[in-house]
All heavy atoms as atom14 arrays in JSON, in Angstrom:
{
  "sequence": "GGFKANISPLVAEQYRRTKLSVTTLQTGERVIIDPALTTARIYMY",
  "atom14_mask": [
    [1, 1, 1, 1, 0, 0, 0, 0, 0, 0, 0, 0, 0, 0],
    [1, 1, 1, 1, 0, 0, 0, 0, 0, 0, 0, 0, 0, 0],
    [1, 1, 1, 1, 1, 1, 1, 1, 1, 1, 1, 0, 0, 0],
    [1, 1, 1, 1, 1, 1, 1, 1, 1, 0, 0, 0, 0, 0],
    [1, 1, 1, 1, 1, 0, 0, 0, 0, 0, 0, 0, 0, 0],
    [1, 1, 1, 1, 1, 1, 1, 1, 0, 0, 0, 0, 0, 0],
    [1, 1, 1, 1, 1, 1, 1, 1, 0, 0, 0, 0, 0, 0],
    [1, 1, 1, 1, 1, 1, 0, 0, 0, 0, 0, 0, 0, 0],
    [1, 1, 1, 1, 1, 1, 1, 0, 0, 0, 0, 0, 0, 0],
    [1, 1, 1, 1, 1, 1, 1, 1, 0, 0, 0, 0, 0, 0],
    [1, 1, 1, 1, 1, 1, 1, 0, 0, 0, 0, 0, 0, 0],
    [1, 1, 1, 1, 1, 0, 0, 0, 0, 0, 0, 0, 0, 0],
    [1, 1, 1, 1, 1, 1, 1, 1, 1, 0, 0, 0, 0, 0],
    [1, 1, 1, 1, 1, 1, 1, 1, 1, 0, 0, 0, 0, 0],
    [1, 1, 1, 1, 1, 1, 1, 1, 1, 1, 1, 1, 0, 0],
    [1, 1, 1, 1, 1, 1, 1, 1, 1, 1, 1, 0, 0, 0],
    [1, 1, 1, 1, 1, 1, 1, 1, 1, 1, 1, 0, 0, 0],
    [1, 1, 1, 1, 1, 1, 1, 0, 0, 0, 0, 0, 0, 0],
    [1, 1, 1, 1, 1, 1, 1, 1, 1, 0, 0, 0, 0, 0],
    [1, 1, 1, 1, 1, 1, 1, 1, 0, 0, 0, 0, 0, 0],
    [1, 1, 1, 1, 1, 1, 0, 0, 0, 0, 0, 0, 0, 0],
    [1, 1, 1, 1, 1, 1, 1, 0, 0, 0, 0, 0, 0, 0],
    [1, 1, 1, 1, 1, 1, 1, 0, 0, 0, 0, 0, 0, 0],
    [1, 1, 1, 1, 1, 1, 1, 0, 0, 0, 0, 0, 0, 0],
    [1, 1, 1, 1, 1, 1, 1, 1, 0, 0, 0, 0, 0, 0],
    [1, 1, 1, 1, 1, 1, 1, 1, 1, 0, 0, 0, 0, 0],
    [1, 1, 1, 1, 1, 1, 1, 0, 0, 0, 0, 0, 0, 0],
    [1, 1, 1, 1, 0, 0, 0, 0, 0, 0, 0, 0, 0, 0],
    [1, 1, 1, 1, 1, 1, 1, 1, 1, 0, 0, 0, 0, 0],
    [1, 1, 1, 1, 1, 1, 1, 1, 1, 1, 1, 0, 0, 0],
    [1, 1, 1, 1, 1, 1, 1, 0, 0, 0, 0, 0, 0, 0],
    [1, 1, 1, 1, 1, 1, 1, 1, 0, 0, 0, 0, 0, 0],
    [1, 1, 1, 1, 1, 1, 1, 1, 0, 0, 0, 0, 0, 0],
    [1, 1, 1, 1, 1, 1, 1, 1, 0, 0, 0, 0, 0, 0],
    [1, 1, 1, 1, 1, 1, 1, 0, 0, 0, 0, 0, 0, 0],
    [1, 1, 1, 1, 1, 0, 0, 0, 0, 0, 0, 0, 0, 0],
    [1, 1, 1, 1, 1, 1, 1, 1, 0, 0, 0, 0, 0, 0],
    [1, 1, 1, 1, 1, 1, 1, 0, 0, 0, 0, 0, 0, 0],
    [1, 1, 1, 1, 1, 1, 1, 0, 0, 0, 0, 0, 0, 0],
    [1, 1, 1, 1, 1, 0, 0, 0, 0, 0, 0, 0, 0, 0],
    [1, 1, 1, 1, 1, 1, 1, 1, 1, 1, 1, 0, 0, 0],
    [1, 1, 1, 1, 1, 1, 1, 1, 0, 0, 0, 0, 0, 0],
    [1, 1, 1, 1, 1, 1, 1, 1, 1, 1, 1, 1, 0, 0],
    [1, 1, 1, 1, 1, 1, 1, 1, 0, 0, 0, 0, 0, 0],
    [1, 1, 1, 1, 1, 1, 1, 1, 1, 1, 1, 1, 0, 0]
  ],
  "atom14_positions": [
    [[69.19, 7.65, -30.71], [68.97, 6.61, -31.91], [69.25, 7.41, -33.14], [70.02, 6.75, -34.1], [0.0, 0.0, 0.0], [0.0, 0.0, 0.0], [0.0, 0.0, 0.0], [0.0, 0.0, 0.0], [0.0, 0.0, 0.0], [0.0, 0.0, 0.0], [0.0, 0.0, 0.0], [0.0, 0.0, 0.0], [0.0, 0.0, 0.0], [0.0, 0.0, 0.0]],
    [[68.86, 8.63, -33.41], [69.24, 9.41, -34.63], [70.73, 9.53, -34.76], [71.23, 9.51, -35.87], [0.0, 0.0, 0.0], [0.0, 0.0, 0.0], [0.0, 0.0, 0.0], [0.0, 0.0, 0.0], [0.0, 0.0, 0.0], [0.0, 0.0, 0.0], [0.0, 0.0, 0.0], [0.0, 0.0, 0.0], [0.0, 0.0, 0.0], [0.0, 0.0, 0.0]],
    [[71.35, 9.78, -33.69], [72.78, 9.94, -33.59], [73.53, 8.65, -34.07], [74.42, 8.64, -34.81], [73.18, 10.49, -32.26], [74.66, 10.81, -32.0], [75.18, 12.0, -32.26], [75.44, 9.8, -31.54], [76.53, 12.3, -32.1], [76.89, 9.91, -31.35], [77.35, 11.26, -31.69], [0.0, 0.0, 0.0], [0.0, 0.0, 0.0], [0.0, 0.0, 0.0]],
    [[73.21, 7.68, -33.28], [74.0, 6.3, -33.46], [73.88, 5.72, -34.89], [74.84, 5.21, -35.39], [73.4, 5.31, -32.51], [73.76, 5.54, -31.01], [75.16, 5.35, -30.92], [75.81, 3.95, -31.01], [77.23, 4.0, -30.73], [0.0, 0.0, 0.0], [0.0, 0.0, 0.0], [0.0, 0.0, 0.0], [0.0, 0.0, 0.0], [0.0, 0.0, 0.0]],
    [[72.81, 5.97, -35.59], [72.57, 5.55, -36.94], [73.52, 6.17, -37.79], [73.96, 5.49, -38.93], [71.17, 5.62, -37.38], [0.0, 0.0, 0.0], [0.0, 0.0, 0.0], [0.0, 0.0, 0.0], [0.0, 0.0, 0.0], [0.0, 0.0, 0.0], [0.0, 0.0, 0.0], [0.0, 0.0, 0.0], [0.0, 0.0, 0.0], [0.0, 0.0, 0.0]],
    [[73.95, 7.27, -37.64], [74.7, 8.09, -38.58], [76.19, 8.45, -38.16], [77.02, 8.73, -39.07], [73.9, 9.38, -38.79], [72.47, 9.24, -39.49], [72.56, 8.72, -40.64], [71.65, 9.36, -38.66], [0.0, 0.0, 0.0], [0.0, 0.0, 0.0], [0.0, 0.0, 0.0], [0.0, 0.0, 0.0], [0.0, 0.0, 0.0], [0.0, 0.0, 0.0]],
    [[76.57, 8.34, -36.87], [77.82, 8.66, -36.49], [78.89, 7.63, -36.94], [80.04, 8.01, -37.35], [77.92, 8.92, -34.96], [79.24, 9.58, -34.56], [77.69, 7.66, -34.25], [79.33, 11.2, -35.07], [0.0, 0.0, 0.0], [0.0, 0.0, 0.0], [0.0, 0.0, 0.0], [0.0, 0.0, 0.0], [0.0, 0.0, 0.0], [0.0, 0.0, 0.0]],
    [[78.45, 6.37, -36.87], [79.3, 5.27, -37.42], [79.73, 5.36, -38.84], [80.84, 5.22, -39.12], [78.76, 3.87, -36.94], [78.68, 3.8, -35.52], [0.0, 0.0, 0.0], [0.0, 0.0, 0.0], [0.0, 0.0, 0.0], [0.0, 0.0, 0.0], [0.0, 0.0, 0.0], [0.0, 0.0, 0.0], [0.0, 0.0, 0.0], [0.0, 0.0, 0.0]],
    [[78.69, 5.48, -39.72], [79.12, 5.7, -41.18], [79.87, 6.99, -41.37], [80.79, 6.97, -42.28], [77.78, 5.75, -41.89], [76.75, 5.09, -40.96], [77.19, 5.45, -39.53], [0.0, 0.0, 0.0], [0.0, 0.0, 0.0], [0.0, 0.0, 0.0], [0.0, 0.0, 0.0], [0.0, 0.0, 0.0], [0.0, 0.0, 0.0], [0.0, 0.0, 0.0]],
    [[79.53, 8.0, -40.63], [80.24, 9.29, -40.91], [81.82, 9.17, -40.7], [82.61, 9.66, -41.39], [79.59, 10.36, -40.06], [80.29, 11.89, -40.29], [79.95, 12.36, -41.6], [79.74, 12.8, -39.16], [0.0, 0.0, 0.0], [0.0, 0.0, 0.0], [0.0, 0.0, 0.0], [0.0, 0.0, 0.0], [0.0, 0.0, 0.0], [0.0, 0.0, 0.0]],
    [[82.09, 8.4, -39.52], [83.51, 8.37, -39.14], [84.32, 7.53, -40.19], [85.3, 7.88, -40.63], [83.7, 7.8, -37.8], [83.44, 6.19, -37.78], [85.12, 7.92, -37.22], [0.0, 0.0, 0.0], [0.0, 0.0, 0.0], [0.0, 0.0, 0.0], [0.0, 0.0, 0.0], [0.0, 0.0, 0.0], [0.0, 0.0, 0.0], [0.0, 0.0, 0.0]],
    [[83.6, 6.46, -40.82], [84.38, 5.75, -41.77], [84.46, 6.35, -43.2], [85.45, 6.18, -43.84], [83.7, 4.37, -41.93], [0.0, 0.0, 0.0], [0.0, 0.0, 0.0], [0.0, 0.0, 0.0], [0.0, 0.0, 0.0], [0.0, 0.0, 0.0], [0.0, 0.0, 0.0], [0.0, 0.0, 0.0], [0.0, 0.0, 0.0], [0.0, 0.0, 0.0]],
    [[83.43, 7.21, -43.43], [83.46, 7.76, -44.83], [84.41, 8.91, -44.85], [84.57, 9.65, -45.97], [82.08, 8.19, -45.26], [81.45, 9.35, -44.65], [80.02, 9.54, -44.95], [79.45, 8.7, -45.89], [79.36, 10.6, -44.66], [0.0, 0.0, 0.0], [0.0, 0.0, 0.0], [0.0, 0.0, 0.0], [0.0, 0.0, 0.0], [0.0, 0.0, 0.0]],
    [[85.01, 9.28, -43.82], [86.23, 10.29, -43.86], [87.4, 9.67, -44.65], [88.17, 10.54, -45.1], [86.64, 10.78, -42.42], [85.46, 11.28, -41.58], [84.72, 12.48, -42.34], [85.24, 13.4, -42.59], [83.47, 12.3, -42.36], [0.0, 0.0, 0.0], [0.0, 0.0, 0.0], [0.0, 0.0, 0.0], [0.0, 0.0, 0.0], [0.0, 0.0, 0.0]],
    [[87.44, 8.55, -44.78], [88.35, 7.72, -45.48], [87.88, 7.48, -46.83], [86.81, 6.72, -47.01], [89.02, 6.45, -44.87], [89.91, 5.72, -45.69], [91.24, 6.21, -45.98], [89.63, 4.66, -46.3], [92.15, 5.5, -46.48], [90.4, 3.7, -47.04], [91.7, 4.29, -47.23], [92.74, 3.65, -47.94], [0.0, 0.0, 0.0], [0.0, 0.0, 0.0]],
    [[88.4, 7.82, -47.98], [87.64, 7.7, -49.27], [88.19, 6.73, -50.22], [87.55, 6.55, -51.21], [87.67, 9.13, -50.02], [87.17, 10.3, -49.22], [85.63, 10.08, -48.88], [84.76, 10.32, -49.96], [83.5, 10.1, -49.96], [82.82, 9.68, -48.94], [82.87, 10.41, -51.07], [0.0, 0.0, 0.0], [0.0, 0.0, 0.0], [0.0, 0.0, 0.0]],
    [[89.33, 6.14, -49.96], [89.92, 5.12, -50.9], [89.11, 3.94, -50.95], [88.81, 3.3, -49.82], [91.31, 4.87, -50.59], [91.94, 3.97, -51.73], [93.37, 3.79, -51.38], [94.24, 5.05, -51.59], [94.67, 5.59, -52.86], [94.39, 4.75, -53.92], [95.27, 6.52, -52.92], [0.0, 0.0, 0.0], [0.0, 0.0, 0.0], [0.0, 0.0, 0.0]],
    [[88.71, 3.33, -52.07], [87.82, 2.08, -52.07], [88.42, 0.91, -52.74], [87.87, -0.16, -52.57], [86.49, 2.66, -52.75], [86.9, 2.86, -54.15], [85.88, 3.72, -52.07], [0.0, 0.0, 0.0], [0.0, 0.0, 0.0], [0.0, 0.0, 0.0], [0.0, 0.0, 0.0], [0.0, 0.0, 0.0], [0.0, 0.0, 0.0], [0.0, 0.0, 0.0]],
    [[89.62, 1.08, -53.47], [90.04, -0.01, -54.12], [91.37, -0.53, -53.76], [92.24, 0.3, -53.21], [90.1, 0.2, -55.72], [91.04, 1.4, -56.07], [91.13, 1.71, -57.51], [91.54, 0.54, -58.32], [91.84, 0.97, -59.78], [0.0, 0.0, 0.0], [0.0, 0.0, 0.0], [0.0, 0.0, 0.0], [0.0, 0.0, 0.0], [0.0, 0.0, 0.0]],
    [[91.66, -1.77, -53.76], [92.94, -2.32, -53.36], [94.05, -1.67, -54.46], [93.74, -1.61, -55.64], [92.89, -3.86, -53.63], [92.06, -4.66, -52.8], [92.1, -6.18, -53.16], [92.37, -4.53, -51.29], [0.0, 0.0, 0.0], [0.0, 0.0, 0.0], [0.0, 0.0, 0.0], [0.0, 0.0, 0.0], [0.0, 0.0, 0.0], [0.0, 0.0, 0.0]],
    [[95.13, -1.44, -53.91], [96.28, -0.76, -54.67], [97.54, -1.41, -54.25], [97.72, -1.77, -53.04], [96.38, 0.76, -54.52], [95.09, 1.27, -54.87], [0.0, 0.0, 0.0], [0.0, 0.0, 0.0], [0.0, 0.0, 0.0], [0.0, 0.0, 0.0], [0.0, 0.0, 0.0], [0.0, 0.0, 0.0], [0.0, 0.0, 0.0], [0.0, 0.0, 0.0]],
    [[98.51, -1.53, -55.12], [99.81, -2.01, -54.78], [100.78, -0.92, -54.68], [100.84, 0.1, -55.65], [100.23, -3.12, -55.97], [101.67, -3.65, -55.67], [99.3, -4.23, -56.03], [0.0, 0.0, 0.0], [0.0, 0.0, 0.0], [0.0, 0.0, 0.0], [0.0, 0.0, 0.0], [0.0, 0.0, 0.0], [0.0, 0.0, 0.0], [0.0, 0.0, 0.0]],
    [[101.7, -0.96, -53.79], [102.68, -0.01, -53.68], [104.04, -0.58, -53.08], [103.97, -1.8, -52.69], [102.33, 1.1, -52.72], [103.38, 2.26, -52.9], [102.31, 0.64, -51.3], [0.0, 0.0, 0.0], [0.0, 0.0, 0.0], [0.0, 0.0, 0.0], [0.0, 0.0, 0.0], [0.0, 0.0, 0.0], [0.0, 0.0, 0.0], [0.0, 0.0, 0.0]],
    [[105.14, -0.05, -53.08], [106.38, -0.49, -52.61], [106.82, 0.23, -51.37], [106.85, 1.63, -51.34], [107.42, -0.44, -53.59], [107.1, -1.1, -54.85], [108.75, -1.08, -53.14], [0.0, 0.0, 0.0], [0.0, 0.0, 0.0], [0.0, 0.0, 0.0], [0.0, 0.0, 0.0], [0.0, 0.0, 0.0], [0.0, 0.0, 0.0], [0.0, 0.0, 0.0]],
    [[107.12, -0.33, -50.3], [107.5, 0.35, -49.03], [108.9, 0.82, -49.12], [109.7, 0.44, -50.21], [107.46, -0.7, -47.84], [106.04, -1.27, -47.56], [106.28, -2.27, -46.27], [105.07, -0.11, -47.4], [0.0, 0.0, 0.0], [0.0, 0.0, 0.0], [0.0, 0.0, 0.0], [0.0, 0.0, 0.0], [0.0, 0.0, 0.0], [0.0, 0.0, 0.0]],
    [[109.34, 1.65, -48.19], [110.75, 2.12, -48.29], [111.83, 0.99, -48.09], [112.88, 1.15, -48.46], [110.83, 3.19, -47.29], [110.2, 4.48, -47.55], [110.2, 5.51, -46.32], [110.79, 5.29, -45.26], [109.6, 6.76, -46.54], [0.0, 0.0, 0.0], [0.0, 0.0, 0.0], [0.0, 0.0, 0.0], [0.0, 0.0, 0.0], [0.0, 0.0, 0.0]],
    [[111.21, -0.09, -47.58], [112.18, -1.3, -47.32], [112.34, -2.05, -48.53], [113.16, -3.06, -48.61], [111.56, -2.15, -46.14], [110.23, -2.59, -46.59], [111.56, -1.42, -44.88], [0.0, 0.0, 0.0], [0.0, 0.0, 0.0], [0.0, 0.0, 0.0], [0.0, 0.0, 0.0], [0.0, 0.0, 0.0], [0.0, 0.0, 0.0], [0.0, 0.0, 0.0]],
    [[111.55, -1.74, -49.61], [111.55, -2.51, -50.9], [110.45, -3.45, -51.03], [110.37, -4.2, -52.09], [0.0, 0.0, 0.0], [0.0, 0.0, 0.0], [0.0, 0.0, 0.0], [0.0, 0.0, 0.0], [0.0, 0.0, 0.0], [0.0, 0.0, 0.0], [0.0, 0.0, 0.0], [0.0, 0.0, 0.0], [0.0, 0.0, 0.0], [0.0, 0.0, 0.0]],
    [[109.7, -3.68, -49.89], [108.67, -4.78, -49.95], [107.54, -4.31, -50.74], [106.96, -3.1, -50.45], [108.15, -5.18, -48.51], [107.13, -6.23, -48.46], [106.59, -6.37, -47.15], [107.18, -5.8, -46.21], [105.69, -7.22, -46.96], [0.0, 0.0, 0.0], [0.0, 0.0, 0.0], [0.0, 0.0, 0.0], [0.0, 0.0, 0.0], [0.0, 0.0, 0.0]],
    [[106.95, -5.09, -51.59], [105.59, -4.67, -52.28], [104.57, -5.16, -51.42], [104.57, -6.3, -51.1], [105.57, -5.31, -53.78], [106.53, -4.59, -54.73], [106.59, -5.33, -56.02], [105.26, -5.73, -56.72], [104.56, -4.84, -57.26], [105.03, -3.69, -57.51], [103.38, -5.25, -57.73], [0.0, 0.0, 0.0], [0.0, 0.0, 0.0], [0.0, 0.0, 0.0]],
    [[103.42, -4.29, -51.34], [102.37, -4.62, -50.35], [101.1, -4.07, -51.13], [101.11, -3.28, -52.0], [102.62, -3.96, -49.03], [103.65, -4.44, -48.24], [102.63, -2.44, -49.14], [0.0, 0.0, 0.0], [0.0, 0.0, 0.0], [0.0, 0.0, 0.0], [0.0, 0.0, 0.0], [0.0, 0.0, 0.0], [0.0, 0.0, 0.0], [0.0, 0.0, 0.0]],
    [[99.98, -4.51, -50.48], [98.69, -4.17, -50.99], [98.16, -3.11, -49.95], [98.01, -3.52, -48.82], [97.72, -5.27, -51.28], [98.25, -6.24, -52.37], [96.23, -4.86, -51.64], [97.43, -7.6, -52.59], [0.0, 0.0, 0.0], [0.0, 0.0, 0.0], [0.0, 0.0, 0.0], [0.0, 0.0, 0.0], [0.0, 0.0, 0.0], [0.0, 0.0, 0.0]],
    [[97.7, -1.95, -50.42], [96.82, -1.06, -49.52], [95.46, -1.55, -49.62], [94.79, -1.54, -50.59], [97.02, 0.38, -50.07], [98.48, 0.73, -50.39], [96.31, 1.3, -49.17], [99.2, 0.68, -49.14], [0.0, 0.0, 0.0], [0.0, 0.0, 0.0], [0.0, 0.0, 0.0], [0.0, 0.0, 0.0], [0.0, 0.0, 0.0], [0.0, 0.0, 0.0]],
    [[94.97, -2.06, -48.47], [93.55, -2.62, -48.42], [92.68, -1.7, -47.64], [92.82, -1.45, -46.38], [93.72, -3.99, -47.54], [92.42, -4.7, -47.7], [91.44, -4.13, -48.15], [92.48, -5.87, -47.54], [0.0, 0.0, 0.0], [0.0, 0.0, 0.0], [0.0, 0.0, 0.0], [0.0, 0.0, 0.0], [0.0, 0.0, 0.0], [0.0, 0.0, 0.0]],
    [[91.64, -1.13, -48.35], [90.76, -0.13, -47.69], [89.9, -0.88, -46.66], [89.52, -0.25, -45.6], [89.78, 0.27, -48.89], [90.74, 0.04, -50.01], [91.51, -1.13, -49.78], [0.0, 0.0, 0.0], [0.0, 0.0, 0.0], [0.0, 0.0, 0.0], [0.0, 0.0, 0.0], [0.0, 0.0, 0.0], [0.0, 0.0, 0.0], [0.0, 0.0, 0.0]],
    [[89.69, -2.26, -46.79], [89.0, -3.04, -45.63], [89.67, -3.13, -44.46], [89.02, -2.79, -43.43], [88.66, -4.31, -46.33], [0.0, 0.0, 0.0], [0.0, 0.0, 0.0], [0.0, 0.0, 0.0], [0.0, 0.0, 0.0], [0.0, 0.0, 0.0], [0.0, 0.0, 0.0], [0.0, 0.0, 0.0], [0.0, 0.0, 0.0], [0.0, 0.0, 0.0]],
    [[91.07, -3.21, -44.5], [91.85, -3.24, -43.22], [91.84, -1.7, -42.61], [91.89, -1.69, -41.45], [93.2, -3.65, -43.65], [93.5, -5.15, -44.02], [94.89, -5.31, -44.11], [92.97, -5.91, -42.76], [0.0, 0.0, 0.0], [0.0, 0.0, 0.0], [0.0, 0.0, 0.0], [0.0, 0.0, 0.0], [0.0, 0.0, 0.0], [0.0, 0.0, 0.0]],
    [[91.79, -0.78, -43.54], [91.81, 0.6, -42.9], [90.5, 0.9, -42.19], [90.5, 1.45, -41.11], [92.02, 1.55, -44.19], [93.07, 1.34, -44.98], [92.12, 3.09, -43.59], [0.0, 0.0, 0.0], [0.0, 0.0, 0.0], [0.0, 0.0, 0.0], [0.0, 0.0, 0.0], [0.0, 0.0, 0.0], [0.0, 0.0, 0.0], [0.0, 0.0, 0.0]],
    [[89.33, 0.46, -42.97], [88.05, 0.53, -42.14], [88.03, -0.22, -40.79], [87.46, 0.36, -39.92], [87.03, 0.11, -43.12], [87.0, 0.73, -44.32], [85.58, 0.25, -42.45], [0.0, 0.0, 0.0], [0.0, 0.0, 0.0], [0.0, 0.0, 0.0], [0.0, 0.0, 0.0], [0.0, 0.0, 0.0], [0.0, 0.0, 0.0], [0.0, 0.0, 0.0]],
    [[88.55, -1.36, -40.83], [88.58, -2.22, -39.73], [89.4, -1.4, -38.59], [89.01, -1.28, -37.41], [89.27, -3.53, -39.97], [0.0, 0.0, 0.0], [0.0, 0.0, 0.0], [0.0, 0.0, 0.0], [0.0, 0.0, 0.0], [0.0, 0.0, 0.0], [0.0, 0.0, 0.0], [0.0, 0.0, 0.0], [0.0, 0.0, 0.0], [0.0, 0.0, 0.0]],
    [[90.46, -0.75, -38.88], [91.3, -0.08, -37.86], [90.57, 1.11, -37.49], [90.57, 1.55, -36.27], [92.73, 0.23, -38.43], [93.44, 1.21, -37.61], [94.93, 1.18, -37.93], [95.66, 0.12, -37.36], [97.07, 0.01, -37.48], [97.63, 0.92, -38.15], [97.58, -1.04, -36.89], [0.0, 0.0, 0.0], [0.0, 0.0, 0.0], [0.0, 0.0, 0.0]],
    [[89.89, 1.9, -38.38], [89.14, 2.98, -38.04], [88.07, 2.68, -36.98], [87.96, 3.45, -35.92], [88.5, 3.71, -39.14], [89.46, 4.4, -40.12], [87.31, 4.67, -38.79], [88.9, 4.78, -41.47], [0.0, 0.0, 0.0], [0.0, 0.0, 0.0], [0.0, 0.0, 0.0], [0.0, 0.0, 0.0], [0.0, 0.0, 0.0], [0.0, 0.0, 0.0]],
    [[87.49, 1.61, -37.16], [86.33, 1.2, -36.3], [86.92, 0.68, -34.98], [86.28, 0.83, -33.84], [85.5, 0.23, -36.85], [84.24, 0.84, -37.75], [84.14, 0.52, -39.03], [83.51, 1.81, -37.09], [83.21, 1.17, -39.68], [82.52, 2.42, -37.87], [82.37, 2.13, -39.18], [81.37, 2.75, -39.92], [0.0, 0.0, 0.0], [0.0, 0.0, 0.0]],
    [[88.08, 0.18, -34.97], [88.8, -0.33, -33.65], [89.01, 0.86, -32.75], [88.61, 0.87, -31.54], [90.06, -1.1, -33.93], [89.79, -2.49, -34.49], [91.3, -3.53, -34.51], [91.51, -3.84, -32.79], [0.0, 0.0, 0.0], [0.0, 0.0, 0.0], [0.0, 0.0, 0.0], [0.0, 0.0, 0.0], [0.0, 0.0, 0.0], [0.0, 0.0, 0.0]],
    [[89.63, 1.86, -33.4], [89.9, 3.1, -32.6], [88.66, 4.05, -32.33], [88.59, 4.8, -31.35], [90.94, 3.97, -33.27], [92.32, 3.19, -33.02], [92.82, 2.24, -34.11], [93.07, 3.28, -31.9], [93.9, 1.49, -33.88], [94.24, 2.46, -31.65], [94.57, 1.63, -32.74], [95.75, 0.9, -32.45], [0.0, 0.0, 0.0], [0.0, 0.0, 0.0]]
  ]
}
């Protein structure tokens, strides 16, 4: 119980970006870097 409460937040907080950001891919496409999507993928894996 003590382990489970803390291991899940610990794995996600290894990623520190918190705000949406806009960047341009090498293909020229402008996209939004979404921390929520990153967190979702972290938890999937």
